[in-house]
Amino acid sequence: MADKLSTIDELIQKAVESNEIPKIYFNVFGNGLGNSDIVIVLQSNGKPVAVLNTSFTIAKTLVQKLNDVIGIIEKNSGNTIMTTMDIDKALTKIGK
């Protein structure tokens, strides 16, 4: 297990440091699906910046891994991170 984590950490470090791998920031996304995969369009301030295509299996695994990471942040901070849907709902209540 430790070897696997070390390998993942090394992979992440190499990817972040690489000048050949694009670094993409996004603050909006949209998704759609076909009969065997999912497409995700990433946007930054309303402009598309990347398109991701992945299988259902990898998409579900990604969701679970992201939930794990967010769960760690929430547990250790004592705060619940709001989703954009939560924020939209709150803004609707105040008339925005």
Protein backbone atom coordinates (compact mmCIF):
# COMPACT_ATOMS: atom_id res chain seq x y z
CA MET A 1 0.00 0.00 0.00
CA ALA A 2 2.77 2.45 0.91
CA ASP A 3 4.54 1.69 -2.38
CA LYS A 4 1.36 2.44 -4.31
CA LEU A 5 0.85 5.76 -2.49
CA SER A 6 4.48 6.68 -3.08
CA THR A 7 4.06 5.92 -6.79
CA ILE A 8 0.89 8.05 -6.97
CA ASP A 9 2.62 10.91 -5.13
CA GLU A 10 5.57 10.67 -7.52
CA LEU A 11 3.25 10.63 -10.54
CA ILE A 12 1.41 13.72 -9.30
CA GLN A 13 4.67 15.54 -8.56
CA LYS A 14 6.10 14.76 -12.01
CA ALA A 15 2.88 15.83 -13.74
CA VAL A 16 2.70 19.12 -11.83
CA GLU A 17 6.35 19.89 -12.56
CA SER A 18 6.20 18.93 -16.26
CA ASN A 19 6.20 21.73 -18.82
CA GLU A 20 4.72 19.32 -21.38
CA ILE A 21 1.45 18.65 -19.52
CA PRO A 22 -1.17 21.42 -19.71
CA LYS A 23 -2.34 22.93 -16.42
CA ILE A 24 -6.03 23.81 -16.61
CA TYR A 25 -8.09 25.82 -14.14
CA PHE A 26 -11.87 25.61 -14.35
CA ASN A 27 -14.73 27.05 -12.33
CA VAL A 28 -17.65 25.74 -14.40
CA PHE A 29 -18.32 22.42 -16.07
CA GLY A 30 -21.00 20.74 -18.11
CA ASN A 31 -21.40 17.07 -18.80
CA GLY A 32 -23.18 14.79 -21.20
CA LEU A 33 -23.20 11.12 -21.93
CA GLY A 34 -23.20 8.65 -24.74
CA ASN A 35 -24.01 4.96 -24.62
CA SER A 36 -20.56 4.04 -23.30
CA ASP A 37 -18.86 7.16 -22.01
CA ILE A 38 -19.16 10.61 -20.50
CA VAL A 39 -18.01 13.94 -21.91
CA ILE A 40 -17.14 16.81 -19.58
CA VAL A 41 -16.58 20.35 -20.87
CA LEU A 42 -14.48 22.45 -18.52
CA GLN A 43 -14.90 26.22 -18.55
CA SER A 44 -13.12 29.15 -16.96
CA ASN A 45 -15.25 32.27 -16.56
CA GLY A 46 -17.70 31.03 -19.17
CA LYS A 47 -15.13 30.06 -21.81
CA PRO A 48 -14.42 26.41 -22.67
CA VAL A 49 -10.86 25.43 -21.75
CA ALA A 50 -10.88 21.63 -22.13
CA VAL A 51 -12.97 18.62 -23.03
CA LEU A 52 -12.60 15.36 -21.11
CA ASN A 53 -13.92 12.03 -22.36
CA THR A 54 -13.99 9.03 -20.06
CA SER A 55 -15.72 5.72 -19.46
CA PHE A 56 -18.54 5.34 -16.94
CA THR A 57 -16.22 3.26 -14.74
CA ILE A 58 -13.49 5.90 -14.59
CA ALA A 59 -16.06 8.69 -14.12
CA LYS A 60 -17.60 6.90 -11.14
CA THR A 61 -14.18 6.18 -9.67
CA LEU A 62 -13.23 9.86 -10.09
CA VAL A 63 -16.40 10.93 -8.27
CA GLN A 64 -15.61 8.60 -5.37
CA LYS A 65 -11.98 9.73 -5.13
CA LEU A 66 -12.95 13.42 -5.23
CA ASN A 67 -15.59 12.80 -2.54
CA ASP A 68 -12.90 11.13 -0.40
CA VAL A 69 -10.58 14.15 -0.71
CA ILE A 70 -13.36 16.67 -0.03
CA GLY A 71 -14.47 14.55 2.94
CA ILE A 72 -10.98 14.77 4.42
CA ILE A 73 -10.95 18.57 4.04
CA GLU A 74 -14.42 18.89 5.58
CA LYS A 75 -13.63 16.57 8.48
CA ASN A 76 -10.37 18.31 9.34
CA SER A 77 -11.71 21.83 8.92
CA GLY A 78 -15.09 21.27 10.57
CA ASN A 79 -16.73 22.99 7.58
CA THR A 80 -18.99 21.67 4.85
CA ILE A 81 -17.95 22.85 1.40
CA MET A 82 -20.97 24.16 -0.48
CA THR A 83 -21.72 23.04 -4.03
CA THR A 84 -22.67 25.52 -6.73
CA MET A 85 -26.23 24.22 -6.36
CA ASP A 86 -26.14 25.12 -2.63
CA ILE A 87 -24.88 28.61 -3.45
CA ASP A 88 -27.51 29.10 -6.18
CA LYS A 89 -30.22 28.11 -3.69
CA ALA A 90 -28.89 30.56 -1.09
CA LEU A 91 -28.70 33.37 -3.65
CA THR A 92 -32.29 32.68 -4.71
CA LYS A 93 -33.40 33.14 -1.09
CA ILE A 94 -31.84 36.61 -0.97
CA GLY A 95 -33.20 37.61 -4.37
CA LYS A 96 -30.00 37.44 -6.44
